[in-house]
Protein backbone atom coordinates (compact mmCIF):
# COMPACT_ATOMS: atom_id res chain seq x y z
CA MET A 1 -19.99 7.53 7.31
CA ASP A 2 -20.29 6.95 3.58
CA VAL A 3 -19.81 8.96 0.40
CA ARG A 4 -23.49 9.01 -0.63
CA THR A 5 -24.79 10.33 2.68
CA LEU A 6 -22.16 13.06 2.94
CA MET A 7 -22.69 14.18 -0.67
CA ARG A 8 -26.45 14.30 -0.11
CA ARG A 9 -25.98 16.33 3.06
CA SER A 10 -23.80 18.91 1.30
CA ALA A 11 -26.31 19.18 -1.53
CA GLY A 12 -28.81 20.35 1.09
CA PHE A 13 -26.44 22.60 3.04
CA TYR A 14 -25.17 24.45 -0.04
CA ALA A 15 -28.17 24.05 -2.35
CA ASP A 16 -27.92 27.50 -3.96
CA GLN A 17 -24.11 27.66 -4.12
CA VAL A 18 -22.35 26.91 -7.41
CA ALA A 19 -21.04 23.33 -7.31
CA VAL A 20 -19.71 22.68 -10.82
CA VAL A 21 -18.41 24.89 -13.62
CA SER A 22 -17.45 23.69 -17.09
CA ASP A 23 -17.16 25.40 -20.45
CA GLY A 24 -19.25 28.39 -19.40
CA ARG A 25 -22.00 26.25 -17.82
CA THR A 26 -22.73 26.05 -14.10
CA LEU A 27 -24.71 23.84 -11.77
CA THR A 28 -25.75 24.66 -8.24
CA PHE A 29 -25.43 21.93 -5.62
CA ALA A 30 -29.19 21.33 -5.82
CA GLU A 31 -29.12 21.08 -9.62
CA ALA A 32 -26.05 18.84 -9.63
CA TRP A 33 -27.53 16.46 -7.05
CA SER A 34 -30.84 16.37 -8.92
CA ARG A 35 -29.05 15.32 -12.10
CA GLY A 36 -27.10 12.75 -10.11
CA LEU A 37 -30.34 11.24 -8.78
CA ARG A 38 -31.68 11.01 -12.33
CA MET A 39 -28.50 9.20 -13.35
CA ALA A 40 -28.83 6.88 -10.36
CA ASN A 41 -32.39 5.95 -11.35
CA ALA A 42 -31.37 5.53 -14.98
CA LEU A 43 -28.67 3.06 -13.99
CA ILE A 44 -31.06 1.22 -11.67
CA ASP A 45 -33.56 0.95 -14.57
CA LEU A 46 -30.82 -0.85 -16.52
CA GLY A 47 -30.97 -3.55 -13.87
CA LEU A 48 -28.04 -2.50 -11.71
CA GLU A 49 -28.04 -3.23 -8.00
CA PRO A 50 -25.93 -1.84 -5.12
CA GLY A 51 -22.36 -3.07 -5.37
CA ASP A 52 -22.40 -3.50 -9.16
CA ARG A 53 -19.47 -1.96 -11.02
CA VAL A 54 -19.97 0.79 -13.59
CA ALA A 55 -17.14 2.05 -15.81
CA VAL A 56 -16.83 5.55 -17.22
CA LEU A 57 -14.66 6.87 -20.05
CA GLU A 58 -14.93 10.64 -20.34
CA ASP A 59 -13.22 14.00 -20.23
CA ASN A 60 -13.62 16.82 -17.72
CA THR A 61 -17.11 18.03 -18.61
CA LEU A 62 -20.20 19.08 -16.70
CA GLU A 63 -21.72 15.64 -17.31
CA ALA A 64 -18.87 14.00 -15.39
CA GLN A 65 -20.62 15.22 -12.23
CA ASP A 66 -23.73 13.21 -13.19
CA PHE A 67 -21.71 10.02 -12.96
CA VAL A 68 -19.93 10.87 -9.70
CA ALA A 69 -23.20 11.73 -7.96
CA GLY A 70 -25.28 9.05 -9.68
CA THR A 71 -23.08 6.11 -8.74
CA ALA A 72 -22.87 7.38 -5.16
CA ALA A 73 -26.64 7.83 -4.88
CA ALA A 74 -27.31 4.31 -6.20
CA ASN A 75 -24.49 2.74 -4.13
CA LEU A 76 -22.74 1.52 -7.28
CA VAL A 77 -18.98 1.07 -7.57
CA ARG A 78 -17.37 3.70 -9.78
CA VAL A 79 -14.65 2.42 -12.15
CA PRO A 80 -12.99 5.34 -13.97
CA LEU A 81 -11.07 4.47 -17.14
CA TYR A 82 -8.15 6.51 -18.40
CA ALA A 83 -8.72 8.38 -21.65
CA ARG A 84 -5.11 7.94 -22.73
CA ASP A 85 -5.28 4.16 -22.43
CA ARG A 86 -5.66 1.90 -25.45
CA ARG A 87 -8.68 -0.25 -26.23
CA GLN A 88 -7.14 -3.41 -24.77
CA ALA A 89 -6.48 -1.66 -21.46
CA HIS A 90 -10.14 -0.61 -21.28
CA ALA A 91 -11.18 -4.18 -22.00
CA ASN A 92 -8.84 -5.58 -19.36
CA ASN A 93 -9.94 -3.11 -16.70
CA MET A 94 -13.64 -3.68 -17.28
CA ALA A 95 -13.27 -7.46 -17.53
CA GLY A 96 -11.18 -7.59 -14.37
CA THR A 97 -13.78 -5.70 -12.35
CA GLY A 98 -16.86 -7.26 -13.95
CA CYS A 99 -18.41 -3.97 -15.07
CA ARG A 100 -22.04 -4.37 -16.15
CA VAL A 101 -22.39 -0.88 -17.66
CA LEU A 102 -20.06 1.55 -19.43
CA VAL A 103 -20.86 5.27 -19.63
CA THR A 104 -18.92 7.15 -22.29
CA THR A 105 -19.10 9.90 -24.91
CA GLU A 106 -19.27 9.85 -28.71
CA LYS A 107 -15.62 10.88 -28.79
CA TYR A 108 -14.50 7.60 -27.22
CA LEU A 109 -16.87 5.21 -28.98
CA PRO A 110 -14.12 4.07 -31.40
CA ASP A 111 -12.00 3.10 -28.38
CA VAL A 112 -14.65 0.76 -26.98
CA GLU A 113 -16.26 -0.49 -30.19
CA GLY A 114 -17.18 -4.17 -30.00
CA LEU A 115 -16.55 -4.54 -26.26
CA LEU A 116 -20.26 -5.08 -25.60
CA ASP A 117 -19.96 -8.34 -27.54
CA GLU A 118 -16.54 -9.29 -26.18
CA LEU A 119 -17.03 -8.82 -22.43
CA PRO A 120 -19.50 -11.31 -20.91
CA ALA A 121 -20.36 -9.13 -17.92
CA LEU A 122 -20.90 -5.91 -19.93
CA GLU A 123 -24.61 -5.47 -20.66
CA HIS A 124 -25.05 -1.82 -21.65
CA VAL A 125 -23.08 1.09 -23.09
CA VAL A 126 -24.61 4.48 -22.29
CA VAL A 127 -23.43 7.15 -24.74
CA ARG A 128 -23.59 10.83 -24.00
CA ASP A 129 -24.70 11.96 -27.45
CA ALA A 130 -27.23 14.53 -28.69
CA GLY A 131 -30.03 12.62 -26.96
CA TYR A 132 -28.33 12.37 -23.57
CA GLU A 133 -30.10 15.30 -21.90
CA ASP A 134 -33.54 14.01 -22.91
CA TRP A 135 -32.58 10.52 -21.74
CA LEU A 136 -31.41 11.85 -18.38
CA ALA A 137 -34.51 14.03 -17.94
CA SER A 138 -36.77 11.05 -18.65
CA HIS A 139 -35.79 9.52 -15.31
CA PRO A 140 -37.07 10.86 -11.96
CA ASP A 141 -34.91 12.74 -9.49
CA THR A 142 -36.37 10.86 -6.54
CA ASP A 143 -33.80 9.49 -4.12
CA PRO A 144 -33.44 5.68 -4.42
CA ASP A 145 -31.97 5.76 -0.90
CA PRO A 146 -30.27 2.36 -0.85
CA VAL A 147 -28.63 1.10 2.33
CA VAL A 148 -24.96 2.15 2.30
CA ALA A 149 -22.41 0.89 4.82
CA PRO A 150 -18.84 2.10 5.36
CA GLU A 151 -17.47 -1.30 4.33
CA HIS A 152 -19.29 -1.28 0.97
CA PHE A 153 -17.07 -0.63 -2.03
CA SER A 154 -17.17 2.88 -3.49
CA VAL A 155 -14.53 3.12 -6.22
CA ILE A 156 -12.00 0.97 -8.03
CA ARG A 157 -9.05 2.89 -9.44
CA HIS A 158 -6.48 1.21 -11.64
CA THR A 159 -2.75 1.47 -11.25
CA GLY A 160 -0.77 3.14 -14.03
CA GLY A 161 0.13 -0.18 -15.60
CA THR A 162 3.68 0.93 -16.42
CA THR A 163 5.09 -2.48 -15.44
CA GLY A 164 2.40 -4.71 -16.91
CA ARG A 165 -1.38 -5.02 -16.83
CA ALA A 166 -3.03 -2.43 -14.58
CA LYS A 167 -4.45 -3.67 -11.29
CA GLY A 168 -7.79 -2.59 -9.85
CA VAL A 169 -7.35 -0.99 -6.43
CA ALA A 170 -10.54 -1.30 -4.42
CA TYR A 171 -11.62 1.33 -1.90
CA THR A 172 -14.52 1.07 0.49
CA HIS A 173 -16.51 4.13 1.48
CA ARG A 174 -14.47 4.26 4.69
CA THR A 175 -11.05 4.02 3.02
CA TRP A 176 -12.02 6.46 0.26
CA LEU A 177 -13.14 9.05 2.80
CA CYS A 178 -9.91 8.55 4.74
CA CYS A 179 -7.98 8.98 1.50
CA VAL A 180 -9.57 12.31 0.51
CA ARG A 181 -9.29 13.50 4.13
CA ASP A 182 -5.56 12.81 4.08
CA TRP A 183 -5.14 14.55 0.70
CA THR A 184 -6.36 17.80 2.22
CA TYR A 185 -5.18 17.41 5.83
CA ASN A 186 -2.06 19.58 5.44
CA LEU A 187 -3.59 22.04 2.97
CA PRO A 188 -5.07 25.45 3.81
CA PRO A 189 -8.71 25.08 4.92
CA ILE A 190 -11.32 24.83 2.16
CA ALA A 191 -13.94 27.56 2.48
CA VAL A 192 -17.47 27.77 1.12
CA GLY A 193 -17.30 29.30 -2.35
CA ASP A 194 -13.67 28.37 -3.02
CA ALA A 195 -12.81 27.08 -6.48
CA CYS A 196 -10.72 24.04 -7.43
CA LEU A 197 -9.50 23.76 -11.01
CA HIS A 198 -9.30 20.28 -12.54
CA VAL A 199 -6.99 20.29 -15.54
CA SER A 200 -5.87 16.70 -15.17
CA PRO A 201 -8.81 14.27 -15.57
CA ILE A 202 -10.87 13.65 -12.45
CA SER A 203 -10.60 9.97 -13.38
CA HIS A 204 -7.27 9.98 -11.54
CA GLY A 205 -5.01 12.42 -9.64
CA SER A 206 -7.14 15.54 -9.67
CA GLY A 207 -10.22 13.53 -8.75
CA TYR A 208 -8.99 13.12 -5.18
CA LEU A 209 -9.79 16.81 -4.63
CA TYR A 210 -13.28 16.59 -6.12
CA LEU A 211 -15.13 15.17 -3.13
CA PRO A 212 -13.40 17.40 -0.53
CA MET A 213 -14.55 20.47 -2.47
CA TRP A 214 -18.11 19.17 -2.68
CA LEU A 215 -18.25 18.36 1.02
CA GLN A 216 -17.05 21.86 1.98
CA GLY A 217 -19.34 23.83 -0.33
CA ALA A 218 -16.61 24.75 -2.81
CA ARG A 219 -16.98 24.58 -6.57
CA ASN A 220 -15.21 22.22 -8.94
CA VAL A 221 -14.09 23.85 -12.20
CA LEU A 222 -13.67 21.25 -14.94
CA LEU A 223 -11.32 22.15 -17.79
CA ASP A 224 -10.64 19.99 -20.81
CA GLY A 225 -7.97 20.20 -23.50
CA ALA A 226 -6.45 23.57 -22.52
CA THR A 227 -3.03 24.96 -23.37
CA PRO A 228 -0.71 26.07 -20.55
CA GLU A 229 -1.56 29.70 -21.33
CA GLN A 230 -5.29 28.96 -21.14
CA VAL A 231 -4.81 27.18 -17.81
CA LEU A 232 -3.06 30.24 -16.43
CA ASP A 233 -5.86 32.45 -17.78
CA VAL A 234 -8.43 30.42 -15.85
CA ILE A 235 -6.35 30.43 -12.66
CA GLU A 236 -6.08 34.21 -12.82
CA GLN A 237 -9.52 35.17 -14.12
CA HIS A 238 -11.85 32.71 -12.38
CA PRO A 239 -10.08 33.02 -9.82
CA ILE A 240 -8.84 29.61 -8.64
CA ASN A 241 -7.91 28.67 -5.06
CA TYR A 242 -6.86 25.00 -5.47
CA LEU A 243 -5.25 23.05 -8.28
CA PHE A 244 -3.67 19.62 -8.65
CA CYS A 245 -1.09 19.15 -11.37
CA VAL A 246 1.37 16.36 -12.07
CA PRO A 247 4.99 17.56 -12.29
CA SER A 248 4.98 17.45 -16.10
CA LEU A 249 2.03 19.87 -16.18
CA LEU A 250 3.62 22.12 -13.58
CA ALA A 251 6.79 22.18 -15.69
CA LEU A 252 4.76 23.35 -18.71
CA LEU A 253 3.08 26.07 -16.65
CA VAL A 254 6.34 27.49 -15.29
CA GLN A 255 7.90 27.39 -18.78
CA GLU A 256 4.97 29.30 -20.31
CA PRO A 257 6.31 32.77 -21.28
CA SER A 258 3.15 34.51 -20.02
CA ALA A 259 3.35 32.90 -16.56
CA THR A 260 5.10 35.82 -14.86
CA GLY A 261 3.41 39.08 -14.00
CA ARG A 262 -0.06 37.61 -13.46
CA ASP A 263 -2.32 37.92 -10.42
CA TYR A 264 -2.24 34.66 -8.46
CA SER A 265 -3.32 36.20 -5.17
CA ALA A 266 -6.36 33.91 -4.84
CA LEU A 267 -4.27 30.73 -5.02
CA LYS A 268 -4.04 28.79 -1.77
CA THR A 269 -2.66 25.52 -3.08
CA MET A 270 -0.96 24.06 -6.14
CA LEU A 271 -0.66 20.40 -5.21
CA THR A 272 1.70 18.17 -7.15
CA GLY A 273 2.49 14.47 -7.03
CA GLY A 274 2.29 11.26 -8.99
CA ALA A 275 5.86 11.43 -10.33
CA PRO A 276 9.25 12.88 -9.32
CA ILE A 277 9.62 16.65 -9.60
CA THR A 278 12.88 18.37 -10.43
CA ASP A 279 14.42 21.03 -8.24
CA ALA A 280 14.28 23.44 -11.17
CA THR A 281 10.52 23.05 -11.65
CA ALA A 282 9.82 23.33 -7.90
CA LEU A 283 11.94 26.44 -7.45
CA ARG A 284 10.58 28.11 -10.57
CA GLY A 285 7.03 27.33 -9.46
CA HIS A 286 7.73 28.81 -6.03
CA ASP A 287 9.12 31.97 -7.65
CA ILE A 288 6.16 32.42 -10.01
CA PHE A 289 3.16 31.36 -7.93
CA GLY A 290 4.42 32.16 -4.45
CA PRO A 291 4.27 30.00 -1.29
CA VAL A 292 1.43 27.80 -2.52
CA LEU A 293 3.23 24.65 -3.74
CA TYR A 294 2.45 21.43 -1.86
CA GLN A 295 3.88 18.02 -2.65
CA LEU A 296 2.49 14.60 -1.81
CA TYR A 297 3.87 11.10 -2.13
CA GLY A 298 2.10 7.78 -2.31
CA GLN A 299 0.56 5.54 -4.93
CA THR A 300 -2.89 4.30 -5.85
CA GLU A 301 -2.45 1.43 -3.40
CA ALA A 302 -1.68 3.74 -0.45
CA LEU A 303 -2.18 7.46 -0.91
CA PRO A 304 -1.04 9.79 0.47
CA ALA A 305 1.80 8.79 2.76
CA THR A 306 3.38 12.24 2.94
CA VAL A 307 2.21 15.79 2.21
CA MET A 308 4.61 18.73 2.45
CA GLY A 309 3.78 22.43 2.26
CA PRO A 310 5.90 25.33 1.02
CA LYS A 311 7.24 26.42 4.42
CA GLU A 312 8.81 23.01 4.84
CA TRP A 313 9.59 22.18 1.20
CA PHE A 314 11.66 25.31 0.59
CA SER A 315 13.21 25.57 4.03
CA LYS A 316 16.68 24.82 5.38
CA VAL A 317 16.77 22.01 7.95
CA GLU A 318 20.01 20.86 9.53
CA GLY A 319 20.70 17.26 8.59
CA SER A 320 18.02 17.23 5.87
CA ASN A 321 17.39 18.47 2.34
CA PRO A 322 13.63 19.16 2.16
CA LEU A 323 13.85 20.35 -1.47
CA ARG A 324 14.91 16.89 -2.57
CA SER A 325 12.55 15.05 -0.21
CA ALA A 326 8.94 13.94 -0.42
CA GLY A 327 8.22 15.32 3.05
CA ARG A 328 7.48 13.52 6.29
CA PRO A 329 4.76 10.95 7.02
CA LEU A 330 1.27 12.26 7.67
CA PRO A 331 -0.18 11.77 11.16
CA PHE A 332 -2.43 9.06 9.70
CA ALA A 333 0.33 7.14 7.90
CA GLU A 334 3.36 5.06 8.81
CA VAL A 335 6.39 4.73 6.53
CA GLU A 336 9.25 2.23 6.79
CA ILE A 337 12.31 1.50 4.66
CA ARG A 338 12.67 -2.25 4.31
CA GLY A 339 15.59 -4.44 3.31
CA PRO A 340 15.42 -7.48 1.00
CA ASP A 341 14.42 -9.70 3.91
CA GLY A 342 11.49 -7.45 4.80
CA THR A 343 12.91 -6.02 8.01
CA ALA A 344 12.92 -2.29 8.71
CA LEU A 345 16.25 -0.58 8.01
CA PRO A 346 17.86 2.02 10.27
CA VAL A 347 18.05 5.72 9.44
CA GLY A 348 19.92 6.28 6.18
CA GLY A 349 19.37 2.77 4.82
CA GLU A 350 18.22 2.38 1.23
CA GLY A 351 15.40 -0.08 0.59
CA GLU A 352 11.79 -0.54 -0.42
CA ILE A 353 9.29 1.97 0.94
CA ALA A 354 6.49 0.31 2.91
CA ILE A 355 3.32 2.23 3.84
CA ARG A 356 0.52 1.60 6.32
CA SER A 357 -2.43 3.98 6.58
CA GLU A 358 -6.18 4.19 7.05
CA SER A 359 -6.51 5.17 3.39
CA GLN A 360 -4.70 2.24 1.83
CA MET A 361 -6.36 -0.25 -0.49
CA THR A 362 -8.24 -3.27 0.76
CA GLY A 363 -6.66 -5.25 -2.07
CA PHE A 364 -6.50 -5.70 -5.83
CA TRP A 365 -9.97 -6.50 -7.14
CA GLY A 366 -10.35 -10.21 -7.85
CA ASP A 367 -6.61 -10.88 -7.55
CA PRO A 368 -5.70 -12.40 -4.17
CA GLU A 369 -2.30 -13.58 -5.43
CA ARG A 370 -1.04 -10.13 -6.36
CA THR A 371 -2.72 -8.67 -3.29
CA ALA A 372 -0.66 -11.02 -1.12
CA GLU A 373 2.53 -9.87 -2.90
CA ARG A 374 1.90 -6.18 -2.20
CA LEU A 375 -0.13 -6.20 1.03
CA VAL A 376 2.10 -7.89 3.64
CA ASP A 377 1.22 -7.94 7.34
CA GLY A 378 -1.02 -4.93 6.84
CA TRP A 379 1.67 -2.91 5.04
CA VAL A 380 1.65 -1.92 1.36
CA LEU A 381 4.97 -2.61 -0.35
CA SER A 382 5.34 0.30 -2.74
CA GLY A 383 7.90 -0.99 -5.23
CA ASP A 384 9.70 2.34 -4.73
CA ILE A 385 13.20 2.55 -3.33
CA GLY A 386 13.84 5.26 -0.78
CA THR A 387 15.59 6.35 2.38
CA MET A 388 14.66 8.38 5.47
CA ASP A 389 16.85 10.72 7.47
CA ALA A 390 16.93 11.31 11.21
CA ASN A 391 14.39 14.14 10.92
CA GLY A 392 11.88 11.85 9.26
CA TYR A 393 12.18 13.20 5.71
CA LEU A 394 11.52 10.61 3.03
CA TYR A 395 13.63 10.58 -0.13
CA VAL A 396 12.25 8.58 -3.06
CA LEU A 397 15.19 7.32 -5.08
CA ASP A 398 13.38 5.45 -7.85
CA ARG A 399 11.28 2.47 -8.83
CA LYS A 400 12.81 -0.81 -7.73
CA ASP A 401 12.67 -2.24 -11.25
CA ASP A 402 14.23 0.88 -12.87
CA MET A 403 17.51 0.53 -10.98
CA ILE A 404 20.68 0.44 -13.13
CA ILE A 405 23.47 -1.86 -11.93
CA SER A 406 26.69 -0.62 -13.51
CA GLY A 407 29.94 -2.26 -12.54
CA GLY A 408 28.37 -3.48 -9.30
CA PHE A 409 27.06 -0.03 -8.31
CA ASN A 410 23.33 0.69 -7.91
CA ILE A 411 22.31 3.82 -9.82
CA TRP A 412 18.85 5.35 -9.58
CA PRO A 413 17.71 7.12 -12.80
CA ALA A 414 15.63 9.75 -11.00
CA GLU A 415 18.72 10.99 -9.18
CA LEU A 416 20.46 11.74 -12.50
CA GLU A 417 17.29 13.18 -14.03
CA ASN A 418 17.00 15.72 -11.22
CA VAL A 419 20.55 16.97 -11.82
CA ILE A 420 20.27 17.06 -15.62
CA ALA A 421 16.90 18.84 -15.56
CA ASP A 422 18.53 21.77 -13.79
CA HIS A 423 20.32 22.64 -17.04
CA PRO A 424 18.50 25.68 -18.49
CA ALA A 425 18.35 24.18 -22.00
CA VAL A 426 16.76 20.89 -20.89
CA LEU A 427 12.97 20.74 -20.77
CA GLU A 428 12.63 17.02 -19.95
CA VAL A 429 14.98 14.13 -19.41
CA ALA A 430 14.79 10.37 -19.10
CA VAL A 431 17.65 8.20 -17.82
CA PHE A 432 17.69 4.43 -18.29
CA GLY A 433 20.19 1.58 -18.53
CA ILE A 434 21.65 0.37 -21.82
CA PRO A 435 24.08 -2.52 -22.42
CA HIS A 436 27.78 -1.91 -21.86
CA GLU A 437 30.52 -4.39 -22.70
CA ARG A 438 32.62 -3.62 -19.63
CA TRP A 439 30.15 -2.49 -16.98
CA GLY A 440 27.20 -4.71 -17.91
CA GLU A 441 24.90 -1.72 -18.26
CA THR A 442 25.39 1.99 -18.08
CA PRO A 443 23.19 5.09 -17.77
CA MET A 444 21.96 6.82 -20.90
CA ALA A 445 20.30 10.24 -20.83
CA LEU A 446 17.68 11.26 -23.38
CA CYS A 447 17.17 15.02 -23.14
CA VAL A 448 14.35 17.09 -24.59
CA THR A 449 15.32 20.65 -25.53
CA ASP A 450 13.55 23.50 -27.27
CA GLY A 451 16.29 23.56 -29.89
CA ALA A 452 17.23 27.12 -28.99
CA GLY A 453 19.49 26.79 -25.95
CA GLU A 454 23.00 25.43 -26.23
CA VAL A 455 23.83 22.15 -24.55
CA SER A 456 26.22 19.34 -25.40
CA GLU A 457 26.83 15.78 -24.30
CA ALA A 458 29.96 16.94 -22.46
CA ASP A 459 27.88 19.51 -20.55
CA ILE A 460 25.50 16.84 -19.30
CA VAL A 461 28.20 14.32 -18.41
CA ASP A 462 30.23 16.92 -16.54
CA ARG A 463 27.18 18.18 -14.65
CA VAL A 464 26.35 14.68 -13.36
CA SER A 465 29.98 13.86 -12.53
CA ARG A 466 30.35 16.98 -10.42
CA ALA A 467 27.04 16.52 -8.60
CA LEU A 468 26.92 12.75 -8.09
CA GLY A 469 30.33 11.32 -8.84
CA SER A 470 32.00 9.97 -11.95
CA TYR A 471 30.65 6.42 -11.58
CA LYS A 472 27.09 7.70 -12.00
CA LYS A 473 27.67 9.79 -15.13
CA PRO A 474 25.83 8.80 -18.32
CA THR A 475 28.12 7.31 -20.96
CA ARG A 476 25.70 8.28 -23.71
CA VAL A 477 23.56 11.40 -24.14
CA GLU A 478 21.07 12.06 -26.93
CA PHE A 479 18.91 15.11 -27.63
CA ARG A 480 15.47 15.49 -29.15
CA THR A 481 12.69 18.07 -29.33
CA GLU A 482 9.71 15.67 -29.12
CA GLU A 483 7.98 15.17 -25.77
CA LEU A 484 8.90 12.01 -23.88
CA PRO A 485 6.26 9.25 -23.69
CA LYS A 486 4.08 9.21 -20.58
CA SER A 487 1.68 6.68 -19.12
CA PRO A 488 -2.06 7.49 -18.96
CA VAL A 489 -1.47 8.97 -15.50
CA GLY A 490 1.50 11.11 -16.56
CA LYS A 491 4.37 8.89 -15.45
CA LEU A 492 7.53 8.82 -17.55
CA GLN A 493 7.74 5.56 -19.53
CA ARG A 494 11.41 4.73 -19.27
CA LYS A 495 10.87 1.15 -20.39
CA VAL A 496 9.40 2.28 -23.72
CA LEU A 497 12.49 4.40 -24.35
CA ARG A 498 14.84 1.71 -23.08
CA GLU A 499 13.55 -1.20 -25.17
CA PRO A 500 15.15 -0.40 -28.57
CA TYR A 501 18.63 -0.34 -27.04
CA TRP A 502 18.23 -3.93 -25.80
CA THR A 503 17.22 -5.47 -29.12
CA GLY A 504 18.96 -8.79 -29.51
CA GLU A 505 19.84 -9.09 -25.82
CA SER A 506 18.61 -12.22 -24.07
CA ARG A 507 17.87 -10.28 -20.84
CA ARG A 508 16.74 -6.74 -20.11
CA VAL A 509 19.32 -6.47 -17.33
CA SER A 510 22.94 -6.90 -18.34
CA GLY A 511 25.87 -8.03 -16.25
CA SER A 512 29.60 -7.49 -16.48
């Protein structure tokens, strides 16, 4: 099986059903596939051949469907860029994957200006401007029908790049189809005519739900630049059945004053992942939206490894704490906790999470050295530290390189963040290590508040001491009202916050 053939089949099965909705405009499956074929022929006319890489920098608009369908129909490799990235990141990602064409919009032209001259492989920049529709219509909607094999590459997604230059994760048609299958395996069945709302860009997290909706005759609703209240309006009024949102977005939705009292009866699934979620956000979301919250864990290199639904997530299980867990491994995935020597640890051991699944990457594009570091004996080494209990629940403690070593004790920032975020006056929190004369380094908590609720440093320190023990308490707490910095894929950037406190230090890890 391959992406092109399955998309083409669905376009025939559901020809008159609505496939895409954006900003008041709609496309049926037949119309959307026809536009995709025109895009495919347009790209072929630029000299592209099957297997060539094509980058796209765009928002969630109706035209985004043209690119998804067009690259599939022409058997080209889709390389989505992240709108929140800087120019140099776009240049690195396109250079690293050898993209011959970039498709973008007028809005993002300043972010890619000059790259046509700087990148040897880049030959064309297609701009969706006032002449785009005429340009698209000038190409036929005949099917180029190239040969497509399951082992051909379909998409290259880039890692978040929070610990250095982003890496291109290559998926074949086979692995991509396994990936989207696993994303929806534990979710309520998708029915013809269902609606999936994409608030987060389909260039990353939310995009994993795009193809499953298309293949089942459901419609993808693309929303761009909306406020939390507007998102809730769409969920209620459209109505929406499926939605992916990173924890930071879910936190904004549950904090929106108008969230309560609405009609969410059509919702089947609110799927979250991509970053740790606090107990407070999960519980509040469960109270407001009902039993529709699902959580997944994994990373671009191997996703998903676990998916957990509301009956499990908010249940009581002897010997486990599902609320704090990332769920249990999917039937199609294996998860191990590995020690420093690479051997699997027994139940309760803390070590690096290793994942093996049918949906994992084939490797980092054009980078065999880094592939060998992360893909070992068929297992993906996640870089996350975690533990598993006897019932199989996985607990993600933190990133391996975010660990704080204070007085010889290992302290995981996410553990403190979860406790601190439960305080009613705290909207967001970041914990990271800062230098300490006695302990080498010590936790610091940077809390975002709305400025209205009362909270003090003593409140935060006491809360952590009582929940986790005195040795884990932050020795410094600061408050602010500005949002914390996030990566292009919504991950908290602790290192950006941490850096100023280490000015003048010879190392970024201190010792006592």
